[in-house]
């Protein structure tokens, strides 16, 4: 088995537990579970569409936590809800992480919460090519388990080639920390996954996984299996 970690992003929904099982069967090591938000600044068109469908289906925070709970009942891989600060603001800054942990979440990602805000909230921190060395060091110090390297400046989505900004970002980050570095945003194909994994300790695939999931669990399992094989 590859020592590289494969993280797959899925949006919360009624069919997500079944899709989660398929992603794990395909070789996912960790699942990032999206909590839909009406104004997702970091998200590209695929994740926005998935969020709109989830909201139309009634996937508010409580329903999303139930989704995490259902996935946890069936699987033991780490589960990390990915959400936005306004959802925590509305739900309760202390209540949300407590309820998420109770549902079976292992950590949190709060996409738009800067590292120096809410330091008491344990979460996976994000760093980007635009982050200063000082911010990278602070994020590495405060992150929960691993650092999420945003490979591009802009939104998520499939791209034709791996961002040239990833290599320098990994180099700068390695200088200040030895926590695992997982690269995401724009990794769409097994070839890009392999290229990113040569630099980072793991990869995160979101939009491309959601596109595969639109054709059902078998399609998703096949796609995740291709990603896993590329990391061998």
C-alpha atoms as a PDB file:
ATOM      1  CA  UNK A   1       0.000   0.000   0.000  1.00  0.00           C
ATOM      2  CA  UNK A   2       1.200   3.482  -0.812  1.00  0.00           C
ATOM      3  CA  UNK A   3       2.431   5.568   2.066  1.00  0.00           C
ATOM      4  CA  UNK A   4       0.771   8.590   0.444  1.00  0.00           C
ATOM      5  CA  UNK A   5      -2.578   9.604   1.912  1.00  0.00           C
ATOM      6  CA  UNK A   6      -5.572   9.858  -0.408  1.00  0.00           C
ATOM      7  CA  UNK A   7      -8.271  12.261   0.773  1.00  0.00           C
ATOM      8  CA  UNK A   8     -11.595  12.288  -1.088  1.00  0.00           C
ATOM      9  CA  UNK A   9     -14.143  15.098  -0.735  1.00  0.00           C
ATOM     10  CA  UNK A  10     -17.863  14.320  -0.831  1.00  0.00           C
ATOM     11  CA  UNK A  11     -20.773  16.710  -0.319  1.00  0.00           C
ATOM     12  CA  UNK A  12     -23.283  15.812   2.397  1.00  0.00           C
ATOM     13  CA  UNK A  13     -26.493  14.298   1.056  1.00  0.00           C
ATOM     14  CA  UNK A  14     -28.863  11.382   1.393  1.00  0.00           C
ATOM     15  CA  UNK A  15     -26.680   9.205  -0.847  1.00  0.00           C
ATOM     16  CA  UNK A  16     -23.356  10.209   0.740  1.00  0.00           C
ATOM     17  CA  UNK A  17     -23.018   7.221   3.106  1.00  0.00           C
ATOM     18  CA  UNK A  18     -23.253   4.901   0.091  1.00  0.00           C
ATOM     19  CA  UNK A  19     -20.767   7.044  -1.849  1.00  0.00           C
ATOM     20  CA  UNK A  20     -18.451   7.127   1.183  1.00  0.00           C
ATOM     21  CA  UNK A  21     -18.399   3.325   1.277  1.00  0.00           C
ATOM     22  CA  UNK A  22     -17.538   3.297  -2.436  1.00  0.00           C
ATOM     23  CA  UNK A  23     -14.712   5.831  -2.007  1.00  0.00           C
ATOM     24  CA  UNK A  24     -13.253   3.789   0.859  1.00  0.00           C
ATOM     25  CA  UNK A  25     -13.539   0.587  -1.176  1.00  0.00           C
ATOM     26  CA  UNK A  26     -11.625   2.381  -3.938  1.00  0.00           C
ATOM     27  CA  UNK A  27      -8.800   3.244  -1.559  1.00  0.00           C
ATOM     28  CA  UNK A  28      -9.591   6.563   0.150  1.00  0.00           C
ATOM     29  CA  UNK A  29      -7.736   6.960   3.468  1.00  0.00           C
ATOM     30  CA  UNK A  30      -9.691   9.976   4.737  1.00  0.00           C
ATOM     31  CA  UNK A  31     -13.001  11.557   3.769  1.00  0.00           C
ATOM     32  CA  UNK A  32     -13.639  15.273   3.756  1.00  0.00           C
ATOM     33  CA  UNK A  33     -17.394  15.796   4.130  1.00  0.00           C
ATOM     34  CA  UNK A  34     -18.689  19.074   2.725  1.00  0.00           C
ATOM     35  CA  UNK A  35     -21.327  21.016   4.654  1.00  0.00           C
ATOM     36  CA  UNK A  36     -23.114  23.100   2.002  1.00  0.00           C
ATOM     37  CA  UNK A  37     -23.002  26.864   2.237  1.00  0.00           C
ATOM     38  CA  UNK A  38     -24.942  29.394   0.185  1.00  0.00           C
ATOM     39  CA  UNK A  39     -21.892  31.548  -0.631  1.00  0.00           C
ATOM     40  CA  UNK A  40     -18.862  29.222  -0.826  1.00  0.00           C
ATOM     41  CA  UNK A  41     -16.050  31.609  -1.728  1.00  0.00           C
ATOM     42  CA  UNK A  42     -13.366  28.966  -2.284  1.00  0.00           C
ATOM     43  CA  UNK A  43     -15.485  26.565  -4.258  1.00  0.00           C
ATOM     44  CA  UNK A  44     -15.600  26.206  -8.013  1.00  0.00           C
ATOM     45  CA  UNK A  45     -18.650  25.343 -10.142  1.00  0.00           C
ATOM     46  CA  UNK A  46     -18.774  21.591  -9.441  1.00  0.00           C
ATOM     47  CA  UNK A  47     -18.771  21.976  -5.651  1.00  0.00           C
ATOM     48  CA  UNK A  48     -21.148  24.950  -5.875  1.00  0.00           C
ATOM     49  CA  UNK A  49     -23.635  22.834  -7.833  1.00  0.00           C
ATOM     50  CA  UNK A  50     -23.281  20.018  -5.316  1.00  0.00           C
ATOM     51  CA  UNK A  51     -23.863  22.488  -2.483  1.00  0.00           C
ATOM     52  CA  UNK A  52     -26.976  23.882  -4.187  1.00  0.00           C
ATOM     53  CA  UNK A  53     -28.361  20.357  -4.598  1.00  0.00           C
ATOM     54  CA  UNK A  54     -27.594  19.554  -0.957  1.00  0.00           C
ATOM     55  CA  UNK A  55     -29.288  22.734   0.291  1.00  0.00           C
ATOM     56  CA  UNK A  56     -32.331  22.003  -1.898  1.00  0.00           C
ATOM     57  CA  UNK A  57     -32.412  18.551  -0.305  1.00  0.00           C
ATOM     58  CA  UNK A  58     -32.523  20.158   3.142  1.00  0.00           C
ATOM     59  CA  UNK A  59     -28.947  19.445   4.201  1.00  0.00           C
ATOM     60  CA  UNK A  60     -28.576  21.975   7.007  1.00  0.00           C
ATOM     61  CA  UNK A  61     -25.887  21.521   9.675  1.00  0.00           C
ATOM     62  CA  UNK A  62     -27.914  19.031  11.738  1.00  0.00           C
ATOM     63  CA  UNK A  63     -28.685  16.879   8.689  1.00  0.00           C
ATOM     64  CA  UNK A  64     -24.994  17.031   7.709  1.00  0.00           C
ATOM     65  CA  UNK A  65     -23.966  15.881  11.186  1.00  0.00           C
ATOM     66  CA  UNK A  66     -26.421  12.996  10.838  1.00  0.00           C
ATOM     67  CA  UNK A  67     -24.747  12.184   7.523  1.00  0.00           C
ATOM     68  CA  UNK A  68     -21.340  12.061   9.259  1.00  0.00           C
ATOM     69  CA  UNK A  69     -22.865   9.829  11.932  1.00  0.00           C
ATOM     70  CA  UNK A  70     -24.237   7.409   9.321  1.00  0.00           C
ATOM     71  CA  UNK A  71     -20.852   7.218   7.561  1.00  0.00           C
ATOM     72  CA  UNK A  72     -19.105   6.658  10.893  1.00  0.00           C
ATOM     73  CA  UNK A  73     -21.444   3.796  11.808  1.00  0.00           C
ATOM     74  CA  UNK A  74     -20.348   1.955   8.665  1.00  0.00           C
ATOM     75  CA  UNK A  75     -16.650   2.890   8.390  1.00  0.00           C
ATOM     76  CA  UNK A  76     -13.608   3.655  10.526  1.00  0.00           C
ATOM     77  CA  UNK A  77     -11.578   5.972   8.252  1.00  0.00           C
ATOM     78  CA  UNK A  78     -11.010   9.540   9.521  1.00  0.00           C
ATOM     79  CA  UNK A  79     -13.885  11.910   8.708  1.00  0.00           C
ATOM     80  CA  UNK A  80     -13.316  15.659   8.481  1.00  0.00           C
ATOM     81  CA  UNK A  81     -16.271  18.026   7.931  1.00  0.00           C
ATOM     82  CA  UNK A  82     -15.385  20.952   5.656  1.00  0.00           C
ATOM     83  CA  UNK A  83     -17.426  24.048   6.369  1.00  0.00           C
ATOM     84  CA  UNK A  84     -17.480  27.840   6.629  1.00  0.00           C
ATOM     85  CA  UNK A  85     -17.285  30.129   9.642  1.00  0.00           C
ATOM     86  CA  UNK A  86     -20.811  31.563   9.263  1.00  0.00           C
ATOM     87  CA  UNK A  87     -22.241  28.057   9.743  1.00  0.00           C
ATOM     88  CA  UNK A  88     -20.325  27.719  13.022  1.00  0.00           C
ATOM     89  CA  UNK A  89     -21.371  31.244  13.986  1.00  0.00           C
ATOM     90  CA  UNK A  90     -25.028  30.324  13.545  1.00  0.00           C
ATOM     91  CA  UNK A  91     -24.764  26.850  15.075  1.00  0.00           C
ATOM     92  CA  UNK A  92     -22.494  27.799  17.973  1.00  0.00           C
ATOM     93  CA  UNK A  93     -18.691  27.943  18.009  1.00  0.00           C
ATOM     94  CA  UNK A  94     -18.407  25.479  20.888  1.00  0.00           C
ATOM     95  CA  UNK A  95     -21.501  23.431  20.129  1.00  0.00           C
ATOM     96  CA  UNK A  96     -20.514  22.633  16.536  1.00  0.00           C
ATOM     97  CA  UNK A  97     -17.143  20.934  17.199  1.00  0.00           C
ATOM     98  CA  UNK A  98     -18.641  19.077  20.169  1.00  0.00           C
ATOM     99  CA  UNK A  99     -21.563  17.789  18.096  1.00  0.00           C
ATOM    100  CA  UNK A 100     -19.255  16.961  15.175  1.00  0.00           C
ATOM    101  CA  UNK A 101     -16.984  14.918  17.453  1.00  0.00           C
ATOM    102  CA  UNK A 102     -20.023  13.165  18.923  1.00  0.00           C
ATOM    103  CA  UNK A 103     -21.158  12.292  15.387  1.00  0.00           C
ATOM    104  CA  UNK A 104     -17.771  10.716  14.672  1.00  0.00           C
ATOM    105  CA  UNK A 105     -15.763  13.524  13.066  1.00  0.00           C
ATOM    106  CA  UNK A 106     -12.013  13.420  13.662  1.00  0.00           C
ATOM    107  CA  UNK A 107     -11.318  17.100  13.002  1.00  0.00           C
ATOM    108  CA  UNK A 108     -12.724  20.094  11.089  1.00  0.00           C
ATOM    109  CA  UNK A 109     -11.803  22.308   8.178  1.00  0.00           C
ATOM    110  CA  UNK A 110     -13.213  25.847   8.252  1.00  0.00           C
ATOM    111  CA  UNK A 111     -12.308  27.141   4.816  1.00  0.00           C
ATOM    112  CA  UNK A 112     -12.628  30.878   5.444  1.00  0.00           C
ATOM    113  CA  UNK A 113     -11.417  31.124   9.056  1.00  0.00           C
ATOM    114  CA  UNK A 114      -7.951  32.737   9.255  1.00  0.00           C
ATOM    115  CA  UNK A 115      -5.360  30.953  11.377  1.00  0.00           C
ATOM    116  CA  UNK A 116      -5.206  33.734  13.971  1.00  0.00           C
ATOM    117  CA  UNK A 117      -8.968  33.738  14.590  1.00  0.00           C
ATOM    118  CA  UNK A 118     -10.601  31.300  17.026  1.00  0.00           C
ATOM    119  CA  UNK A 119      -7.272  29.682  18.023  1.00  0.00           C
ATOM    120  CA  UNK A 120      -9.146  27.547  20.565  1.00  0.00           C
ATOM    121  CA  UNK A 121     -10.917  25.720  17.704  1.00  0.00           C
ATOM    122  CA  UNK A 122      -8.822  22.687  16.768  1.00  0.00           C
ATOM    123  CA  UNK A 123      -8.938  22.337  12.995  1.00  0.00           C
ATOM    124  CA  UNK A 124      -6.924  21.474   9.933  1.00  0.00           C
ATOM    125  CA  UNK A 125      -5.312  24.714   8.768  1.00  0.00           C
ATOM    126  CA  UNK A 126      -4.972  25.767   5.143  1.00  0.00           C
ATOM    127  CA  UNK A 127      -1.991  27.523   3.576  1.00  0.00           C
ATOM    128  CA  UNK A 128      -1.785  28.911   0.054  1.00  0.00           C
ATOM    129  CA  UNK A 129       0.889  30.193  -2.336  1.00  0.00           C
ATOM    130  CA  UNK A 130       0.012  33.699  -1.114  1.00  0.00           C
ATOM    131  CA  UNK A 131       0.643  32.819   2.574  1.00  0.00           C
ATOM    132  CA  UNK A 132       3.650  34.485   4.165  1.00  0.00           C
ATOM    133  CA  UNK A 133       6.320  32.350   5.825  1.00  0.00           C
ATOM    134  CA  UNK A 134       5.086  33.684   9.173  1.00  0.00           C
ATOM    135  CA  UNK A 135       1.501  32.559   8.463  1.00  0.00           C
ATOM    136  CA  UNK A 136       2.698  29.161   7.279  1.00  0.00           C
ATOM    137  CA  UNK A 137       4.663  28.678  10.502  1.00  0.00           C
ATOM    138  CA  UNK A 138       1.650  29.698  12.610  1.00  0.00           C
ATOM    139  CA  UNK A 139      -0.678  27.412  10.646  1.00  0.00           C
ATOM    140  CA  UNK A 140       1.765  24.507  11.055  1.00  0.00           C
ATOM    141  CA  UNK A 141       1.958  25.122  14.793  1.00  0.00           C
ATOM    142  CA  UNK A 142      -1.826  25.232  15.219  1.00  0.00           C
ATOM    143  CA  UNK A 143      -3.018  22.665  12.686  1.00  0.00           C
ATOM    144  CA  UNK A 144      -4.763  19.488  13.742  1.00  0.00           C
ATOM    145  CA  UNK A 145      -2.811  16.561  12.353  1.00  0.00           C
ATOM    146  CA  UNK A 146      -1.928  17.770   8.853  1.00  0.00           C
ATOM    147  CA  UNK A 147      -1.684  20.928   6.772  1.00  0.00           C
ATOM    148  CA  UNK A 148      -3.913  21.487   3.746  1.00  0.00           C
ATOM    149  CA  UNK A 149      -1.852  23.007   0.933  1.00  0.00           C
ATOM    150  CA  UNK A 150      -4.044  24.995  -1.438  1.00  0.00           C
ATOM    151  CA  UNK A 151      -2.161  24.557  -4.703  1.00  0.00           C
ATOM    152  CA  UNK A 152      -3.718  27.495  -6.538  1.00  0.00           C
ATOM    153  CA  UNK A 153      -4.847  31.028  -5.869  1.00  0.00           C
ATOM    154  CA  UNK A 154      -8.532  30.950  -6.678  1.00  0.00           C
ATOM    155  CA  UNK A 155     -11.332  28.436  -6.458  1.00  0.00           C
ATOM    156  CA  UNK A 156     -11.462  24.664  -6.486  1.00  0.00           C
ATOM    157  CA  UNK A 157     -12.119  22.830  -9.714  1.00  0.00           C
ATOM    158  CA  UNK A 158     -10.626  20.532 -12.288  1.00  0.00           C
ATOM    159  CA  UNK A 159      -7.576  21.822 -14.142  1.00  0.00           C
ATOM    160  CA  UNK A 160      -5.545  20.751 -17.132  1.00  0.00           C
ATOM    161  CA  UNK A 161      -2.241  20.590 -15.284  1.00  0.00           C
ATOM    162  CA  UNK A 162      -0.887  20.642 -11.760  1.00  0.00           C
ATOM    163  CA  UNK A 163      -0.285  24.121 -10.388  1.00  0.00           C
ATOM    164  CA  UNK A 164       3.363  25.238 -10.681  1.00  0.00           C
ATOM    165  CA  UNK A 165       2.853  26.996  -7.334  1.00  0.00           C
ATOM    166  CA  UNK A 166       2.770  23.676  -5.433  1.00  0.00           C
ATOM    167  CA  UNK A 167       6.507  22.865  -5.457  1.00  0.00           C
ATOM    168  CA  UNK A 168       7.639  26.221  -3.996  1.00  0.00           C
ATOM    169  CA  UNK A 169       4.811  26.096  -1.422  1.00  0.00           C
ATOM    170  CA  UNK A 170       5.884  22.617  -0.282  1.00  0.00           C
ATOM    171  CA  UNK A 171       9.510  23.765  -0.078  1.00  0.00           C
ATOM    172  CA  UNK A 172       8.631  26.818   2.041  1.00  0.00           C
ATOM    173  CA  UNK A 173       6.378  24.793   4.315  1.00  0.00           C
ATOM    174  CA  UNK A 174       8.905  21.978   4.825  1.00  0.00           C
ATOM    175  CA  UNK A 175      11.369  24.548   6.129  1.00  0.00           C
ATOM    176  CA  UNK A 176       9.164  25.312   9.123  1.00  0.00           C
ATOM    177  CA  UNK A 177       7.387  22.056   9.960  1.00  0.00           C
ATOM    178  CA  UNK A 178       7.437  18.289   9.699  1.00  0.00           C
ATOM    179  CA  UNK A 179       3.642  17.804   9.914  1.00  0.00           C
ATOM    180  CA  UNK A 180       2.143  15.907   6.958  1.00  0.00           C
ATOM    181  CA  UNK A 181       1.329  18.109   3.957  1.00  0.00           C
ATOM    182  CA  UNK A 182      -1.690  17.216   1.817  1.00  0.00           C
ATOM    183  CA  UNK A 183      -2.152  19.091  -1.454  1.00  0.00           C
ATOM    184  CA  UNK A 184      -5.556  19.946  -2.881  1.00  0.00           C
ATOM    185  CA  UNK A 185      -7.513  22.257  -5.211  1.00  0.00           C
ATOM    186  CA  UNK A 186      -7.317  21.393  -8.896  1.00  0.00           C
ATOM    187  CA  UNK A 187      -6.008  17.810  -8.681  1.00  0.00           C
ATOM    188  CA  UNK A 188      -8.260  16.086 -11.199  1.00  0.00           C
ATOM    189  CA  UNK A 189      -6.544  13.090 -12.781  1.00  0.00           C
ATOM    190  CA  UNK A 190      -4.445  10.108 -11.667  1.00  0.00           C
ATOM    191  CA  UNK A 191      -1.472  11.711 -13.466  1.00  0.00           C
ATOM    192  CA  UNK A 192      -1.843  14.964 -11.505  1.00  0.00           C
ATOM    193  CA  UNK A 193      -2.309  12.963  -8.300  1.00  0.00           C
ATOM    194  CA  UNK A 194       0.957  11.125  -8.891  1.00  0.00           C
ATOM    195  CA  UNK A 195       2.764  14.382  -9.680  1.00  0.00           C
ATOM    196  CA  UNK A 196       1.433  16.103  -6.555  1.00  0.00           C
ATOM    197  CA  UNK A 197       2.225  13.084  -4.377  1.00  0.00           C
ATOM    198  CA  UNK A 198       5.878  13.278  -5.411  1.00  0.00           C
ATOM    199  CA  UNK A 199       5.958  16.627  -3.600  1.00  0.00           C
ATOM    200  CA  UNK A 200       3.436  16.241  -0.770  1.00  0.00           C
ATOM    201  CA  UNK A 201       2.570  13.524   1.762  1.00  0.00           C
ATOM    202  CA  UNK A 202      -0.949  13.170   0.439  1.00  0.00           C
ATOM    203  CA  UNK A 203      -3.483  14.590  -1.970  1.00  0.00           C
ATOM    204  CA  UNK A 204      -7.064  15.863  -1.711  1.00  0.00           C
ATOM    205  CA  UNK A 205      -9.437  15.331  -4.645  1.00  0.00           C
ATOM    206  CA  UNK A 206     -12.784  17.127  -4.588  1.00  0.00           C
ATOM    207  CA  UNK A 207     -14.393  18.337  -7.813  1.00  0.00           C
ATOM    208  CA  UNK A 208     -13.229  15.372  -9.907  1.00  0.00           C
ATOM    209  CA  UNK A 209     -14.532  12.953  -7.256  1.00  0.00           C
ATOM    210  CA  UNK A 210     -17.928  14.702  -7.248  1.00  0.00           C
ATOM    211  CA  UNK A 211     -18.099  14.442 -11.045  1.00  0.00           C
ATOM    212  CA  UNK A 212     -17.399  10.695 -10.796  1.00  0.00           C
ATOM    213  CA  UNK A 213     -19.968  10.371  -7.989  1.00  0.00           C
ATOM    214  CA  UNK A 214     -22.680  11.875 -10.209  1.00  0.00           C
ATOM    215  CA  UNK A 215     -22.674   8.531 -12.060  1.00  0.00           C
ATOM    216  CA  UNK A 216     -23.097   6.596  -8.827  1.00  0.00           C
ATOM    217  CA  UNK A 217     -21.038   4.574  -6.354  1.00  0.00           C
ATOM    218  CA  UNK A 218     -19.516   2.166  -8.894  1.00  0.00           C
ATOM    219  CA  UNK A 219     -18.178   5.069 -10.962  1.00  0.00           C
ATOM    220  CA  UNK A 220     -16.764   6.752  -7.855  1.00  0.00           C
ATOM    221  CA  UNK A 221     -15.109   3.563  -6.607  1.00  0.00           C
ATOM    222  CA  UNK A 222     -13.483   3.065 -10.018  1.00  0.00           C
ATOM    223  CA  UNK A 223     -12.175   6.645 -10.114  1.00  0.00           C
ATOM    224  CA  UNK A 224     -10.811   6.507  -6.557  1.00  0.00           C
ATOM    225  CA  UNK A 225      -9.189   3.189  -7.417  1.00  0.00           C
ATOM    226  CA  UNK A 226      -7.399   4.864 -10.337  1.00  0.00           C
ATOM    227  CA  UNK A 227      -6.168   7.617  -8.032  1.00  0.00           C
ATOM    228  CA  UNK A 228      -4.982   5.046  -5.493  1.00  0.00           C
ATOM    229  CA  UNK A 229      -3.142   3.072  -8.169  1.00  0.00           C
ATOM    230  CA  UNK A 230      -1.372   6.257  -9.316  1.00  0.00           C
ATOM    231  CA  UNK A 231      -0.007   6.775  -5.786  1.00  0.00           C
ATOM    232  CA  UNK A 232       1.521   3.292  -5.552  1.00  0.00           C
END
